Amino acid sequence: MLFLLGGYFLFAVLKMRPWVAALGAIAIAFSSYNMIYVEAGHINKAYAIAYMAPIIGAVILCYRGSKFWGPSLLALFLALEIRANHIQMTYYLFLALLVLVGFELYYAIRDKKLNKFLQATGLQLIGVAVAVLVNASVLFPTYEYSKETIRGKANITKHTEDGKSAAGLDKEYAYAWSQGIGENITLLIPNAYGGRTGGTLDEKSNTVKTLQKIRCICSRSLAVSK
């Protein structure tokens, strides 16, 4: 429901027709990865992702001149986002919003509406401050605990109690869980680039047959090129 309502809100803010907004919300809610996160038990991650769409919608409202509903909804949805306590997803959302704000700044300078941009940005900062303060009891313990974990300062040398230096986590550890470019196809076709650990795939399925055909074609192409 959060995915559906949040997605519909975003598309409604973008002034899409109701039926288009409904289809967009369904597409967001029932993408394969959302189902995987829930099945795997990554509930907090799913919550954090669900609040992304309404947060983006609230930011857009602010830049469209909404001085009350925009900042208020931003504070509400961002507070819920932070409360989900999956800072990694919140960080990714922040990067996406930086791009959005960058475009808004460009249009504001081009159209000579910089004052309106600064006013809208200021109201958003107030909303962000409210959301952060509401979640202070979550953020500060997480910050303190992060210093004691193996993921605290990954690329900075640490010193142990016996005086010896111990390097933090290297990039290979973090990137071991990253997707390759080809794996993005699994967003549309489950198991197209491998499946879950220990999972099985029916050899009679159309997916397997198609992949086998592609492998044969690629093998023949390589043989001819050699």
Protein backbone atom coordinates (compact mmCIF):
# COMPACT_ATOMS: atom_id res chain seq x y z
CA MET A 1 0.00 0.00 0.00
CA LEU A 2 2.85 2.39 0.76
CA PHE A 3 4.42 1.74 -2.65
CA LEU A 4 1.07 2.22 -4.37
CA LEU A 5 0.05 5.38 -2.52
CA GLY A 6 3.52 6.93 -2.70
CA GLY A 7 3.87 6.21 -6.40
CA TYR A 8 0.40 7.59 -7.15
CA PHE A 9 1.21 10.73 -5.18
CA LEU A 10 4.40 11.33 -7.19
CA PHE A 11 2.71 10.86 -10.55
CA ALA A 12 -0.21 13.05 -9.45
CA VAL A 13 2.25 15.81 -8.55
CA LEU A 14 3.72 15.39 -12.03
CA LYS A 15 0.19 16.15 -13.28
CA MET A 16 -0.32 12.85 -15.03
CA ARG A 17 -3.81 11.57 -15.73
CA PRO A 18 -5.31 9.48 -12.92
CA TRP A 19 -5.23 6.22 -14.89
CA VAL A 20 -1.61 6.83 -15.94
CA ALA A 21 -0.68 7.63 -12.32
CA ALA A 22 -2.40 4.42 -11.20
CA LEU A 23 -0.49 2.33 -13.74
CA GLY A 24 2.76 3.98 -12.72
CA ALA A 25 2.08 3.26 -9.05
CA ILE A 26 1.38 -0.40 -9.87
CA ALA A 27 4.61 -0.62 -11.88
CA ILE A 28 6.60 0.77 -8.95
CA ALA A 29 4.89 -1.35 -6.30
CA PHE A 30 5.10 -4.70 -8.06
CA SER A 31 8.59 -4.55 -9.53
CA SER A 32 10.40 -7.81 -8.93
CA TYR A 33 12.98 -6.37 -6.54
CA ASN A 34 10.35 -5.11 -4.10
CA MET A 35 8.98 -8.64 -3.85
CA ILE A 36 12.49 -10.01 -3.31
CA TYR A 37 13.23 -7.55 -0.52
CA VAL A 38 10.05 -8.49 1.33
CA GLU A 39 10.61 -12.23 0.86
CA ALA A 40 14.23 -11.95 2.01
CA GLY A 41 13.18 -10.11 5.16
CA HIS A 42 14.63 -6.71 4.21
CA ILE A 43 11.50 -5.00 5.49
CA ASN A 44 13.21 -1.79 6.62
CA LYS A 45 14.80 -1.48 3.19
CA ALA A 46 11.41 -1.92 1.54
CA TYR A 47 9.91 0.77 3.78
CA ALA A 48 12.75 3.16 2.99
CA ILE A 49 12.29 2.64 -0.75
CA ALA A 50 8.52 3.06 -0.47
CA TYR A 51 8.91 6.56 0.96
CA MET A 52 11.24 7.70 -1.83
CA ALA A 53 8.50 8.53 -4.34
CA PRO A 54 6.41 10.75 -2.03
CA ILE A 55 9.56 12.55 -0.83
CA ILE A 56 10.48 13.38 -4.42
CA GLY A 57 6.89 14.48 -5.02
CA ALA A 58 7.01 16.78 -1.98
CA VAL A 59 10.28 18.35 -3.21
CA ILE A 60 8.70 19.01 -6.60
CA LEU A 61 5.71 20.60 -4.86
CA CYS A 62 8.06 22.96 -3.05
CA TYR A 63 9.63 24.14 -6.29
CA ARG A 64 6.18 24.61 -7.80
CA GLY A 65 5.39 27.24 -5.21
CA SER A 66 3.74 25.25 -2.42
CA LYS A 67 4.83 27.01 0.76
CA PHE A 68 2.83 24.87 3.19
CA TRP A 69 1.95 21.43 1.79
CA GLY A 70 5.30 20.93 0.09
CA PRO A 71 7.53 21.44 3.15
CA SER A 72 4.98 19.82 5.49
CA LEU A 73 4.71 16.65 3.40
CA LEU A 74 8.47 16.60 2.94
CA ALA A 75 8.96 16.71 6.72
CA LEU A 76 6.37 13.95 7.20
CA PHE A 77 7.61 11.54 4.54
CA LEU A 78 11.29 12.16 5.31
CA ALA A 79 10.65 11.55 9.00
CA LEU A 80 9.06 8.21 8.10
CA GLU A 81 11.95 7.49 5.73
CA ILE A 82 14.53 8.06 8.46
CA ARG A 83 12.41 6.13 10.96
CA ALA A 84 12.71 3.09 8.67
CA ASN A 85 16.38 3.24 9.73
CA HIS A 86 17.98 2.16 6.47
CA ILE A 87 20.48 4.98 6.00
CA GLN A 88 21.95 3.42 2.86
CA MET A 89 18.68 3.87 0.97
CA THR A 90 18.27 7.39 2.39
CA TYR A 91 21.77 8.20 1.11
CA TYR A 92 20.85 7.01 -2.39
CA LEU A 93 17.71 9.13 -2.25
CA PHE A 94 19.84 12.13 -1.27
CA LEU A 95 22.02 11.64 -4.36
CA ALA A 96 18.95 11.54 -6.61
CA LEU A 97 17.55 14.68 -5.00
CA LEU A 98 20.86 16.48 -5.57
CA VAL A 99 20.42 15.91 -9.30
CA LEU A 100 16.83 17.16 -9.14
CA VAL A 101 17.82 20.27 -7.20
CA GLY A 102 20.65 20.88 -9.67
CA PHE A 103 18.19 20.99 -12.56
CA GLU A 104 15.87 23.28 -10.59
CA LEU A 105 18.78 25.62 -9.92
CA TYR A 106 19.67 25.68 -13.61
CA TYR A 107 16.09 26.56 -14.61
CA ALA A 108 15.88 29.18 -11.85
CA ILE A 109 19.02 30.91 -13.12
CA ARG A 110 17.90 30.63 -16.73
CA ASP A 111 14.43 32.04 -16.02
CA LYS A 112 15.75 34.61 -13.51
CA LYS A 113 13.74 33.14 -10.64
CA LEU A 114 16.60 32.53 -8.24
CA ASN A 115 14.76 34.16 -5.31
CA LYS A 116 11.90 31.69 -5.61
CA PHE A 117 14.38 28.82 -5.80
CA LEU A 118 16.18 29.97 -2.67
CA GLN A 119 12.89 30.42 -0.83
CA ALA A 120 11.68 26.93 -1.78
CA THR A 121 15.05 25.41 -0.84
CA GLY A 122 14.99 27.21 2.51
CA LEU A 123 11.54 25.83 3.33
CA GLN A 124 12.76 22.35 2.43
CA LEU A 125 15.74 22.70 4.75
CA ILE A 126 13.34 23.53 7.57
CA GLY A 127 11.35 20.39 6.74
CA VAL A 128 14.54 18.31 6.68
CA ALA A 129 15.60 19.73 10.05
CA VAL A 130 12.24 18.79 11.55
CA ALA A 131 12.48 15.24 10.17
CA VAL A 132 16.01 14.82 11.53
CA LEU A 133 15.14 16.18 14.98
CA VAL A 134 12.10 13.92 15.22
CA ASN A 135 14.40 10.94 14.61
CA ALA A 136 17.29 12.05 16.81
CA SER A 137 16.70 9.06 19.09
CA VAL A 138 17.30 6.78 16.08
CA LEU A 139 20.10 8.62 14.30
CA PHE A 140 22.47 9.32 17.18
CA PRO A 141 22.58 5.75 18.56
CA THR A 142 23.13 4.50 14.99
CA TYR A 143 25.97 6.98 14.56
CA GLU A 144 27.61 5.92 17.81
CA TYR A 145 27.20 2.22 17.04
CA SER A 146 28.66 2.62 13.54
CA LYS A 147 32.03 3.52 15.06
CA GLU A 148 32.23 0.07 16.64
CA THR A 149 31.28 -1.96 13.56
CA ILE A 150 33.41 -3.25 10.72
CA ARG A 151 31.60 -0.82 8.40
CA GLY A 152 32.29 2.26 10.46
CA LYS A 153 35.16 3.85 8.50
CA ALA A 154 35.89 1.42 5.72
CA ASN A 155 38.79 3.18 4.02
CA ILE A 156 40.51 4.69 7.05
CA THR A 157 43.22 2.90 9.01
CA LYS A 158 42.13 1.99 12.54
CA HIS A 159 44.26 1.42 15.62
CA THR A 160 43.55 -1.53 17.87
CA GLU A 161 43.92 -1.59 21.66
CA ASP A 162 47.41 -3.15 21.45
CA GLY A 163 48.64 -0.20 19.40
CA LYS A 164 48.72 -2.02 16.09
CA SER A 165 47.07 -0.49 13.06
CA ALA A 166 44.31 -2.36 11.30
CA ALA A 167 43.00 -1.36 7.92
CA GLY A 168 39.29 -0.92 7.47
CA LEU A 169 37.17 -2.64 4.86
CA ASP A 170 38.40 -2.43 1.31
CA LYS A 171 36.33 -1.62 -1.76
CA GLU A 172 36.14 -5.27 -2.82
CA TYR A 173 34.07 -6.06 0.27
CA ALA A 174 31.50 -3.39 -0.54
CA TYR A 175 31.41 -4.08 -4.29
CA ALA A 176 30.97 -7.82 -3.73
CA TRP A 177 27.26 -7.09 -3.24
CA SER A 178 26.97 -4.68 -6.17
CA GLN A 179 25.27 -5.59 -9.40
CA GLY A 180 26.99 -5.73 -12.72
CA ILE A 181 25.54 -3.95 -15.75
CA GLY A 182 24.11 -7.15 -17.20
CA GLU A 183 22.25 -7.98 -14.01
CA ASN A 184 19.92 -5.02 -14.48
CA ILE A 185 17.85 -7.20 -16.80
CA THR A 186 16.61 -9.06 -13.70
CA LEU A 187 14.48 -5.99 -12.94
CA LEU A 188 12.27 -7.16 -15.81
CA ILE A 189 13.06 -10.87 -16.10
CA PRO A 190 13.54 -12.81 -12.85
CA ASN A 191 16.42 -15.32 -12.91
CA ALA A 192 17.66 -14.00 -16.25
CA TYR A 193 21.09 -13.43 -14.70
CA GLY A 194 21.12 -16.14 -12.08
CA GLY A 195 18.85 -16.55 -9.09
CA ARG A 196 19.01 -16.71 -5.35
CA THR A 197 21.66 -18.66 -3.49
CA GLY A 198 20.70 -22.33 -3.49
CA GLY A 199 17.73 -21.65 -5.74
CA THR A 200 16.74 -23.84 -8.67
CA LEU A 201 15.35 -23.01 -12.06
CA ASP A 202 13.14 -25.34 -14.03
CA GLU A 203 15.12 -26.51 -17.05
CA LYS A 204 11.90 -26.77 -19.04
CA SER A 205 11.03 -23.10 -18.48
CA ASN A 206 11.00 -20.65 -21.36
CA THR A 207 13.64 -18.56 -19.58
CA VAL A 208 16.14 -21.43 -19.61
CA LYS A 209 15.38 -22.30 -23.23
CA THR A 210 15.87 -18.68 -24.31
CA LEU A 211 19.14 -18.36 -22.40
CA GLN A 212 20.41 -21.60 -23.92
CA LYS A 213 19.64 -20.31 -27.41
CA ILE A 214 21.46 -17.05 -26.67
CA ARG A 215 24.46 -18.99 -25.37
CA CYS A 216 24.57 -21.10 -28.51
CA ILE A 217 24.40 -18.03 -30.73
CA CYS A 218 27.18 -16.33 -28.79
CA SER A 219 29.34 -19.47 -28.93
CA ARG A 220 28.92 -19.71 -32.68
CA SER A 221 29.76 -16.02 -33.10
CA LEU A 222 32.94 -16.44 -31.09
CA ALA A 223 33.92 -19.52 -33.07
CA VAL A 224 33.44 -17.69 -36.37
CA SER A 225 35.41 -14.64 -35.16
CA LYS A 226 38.33 -16.87 -34.20
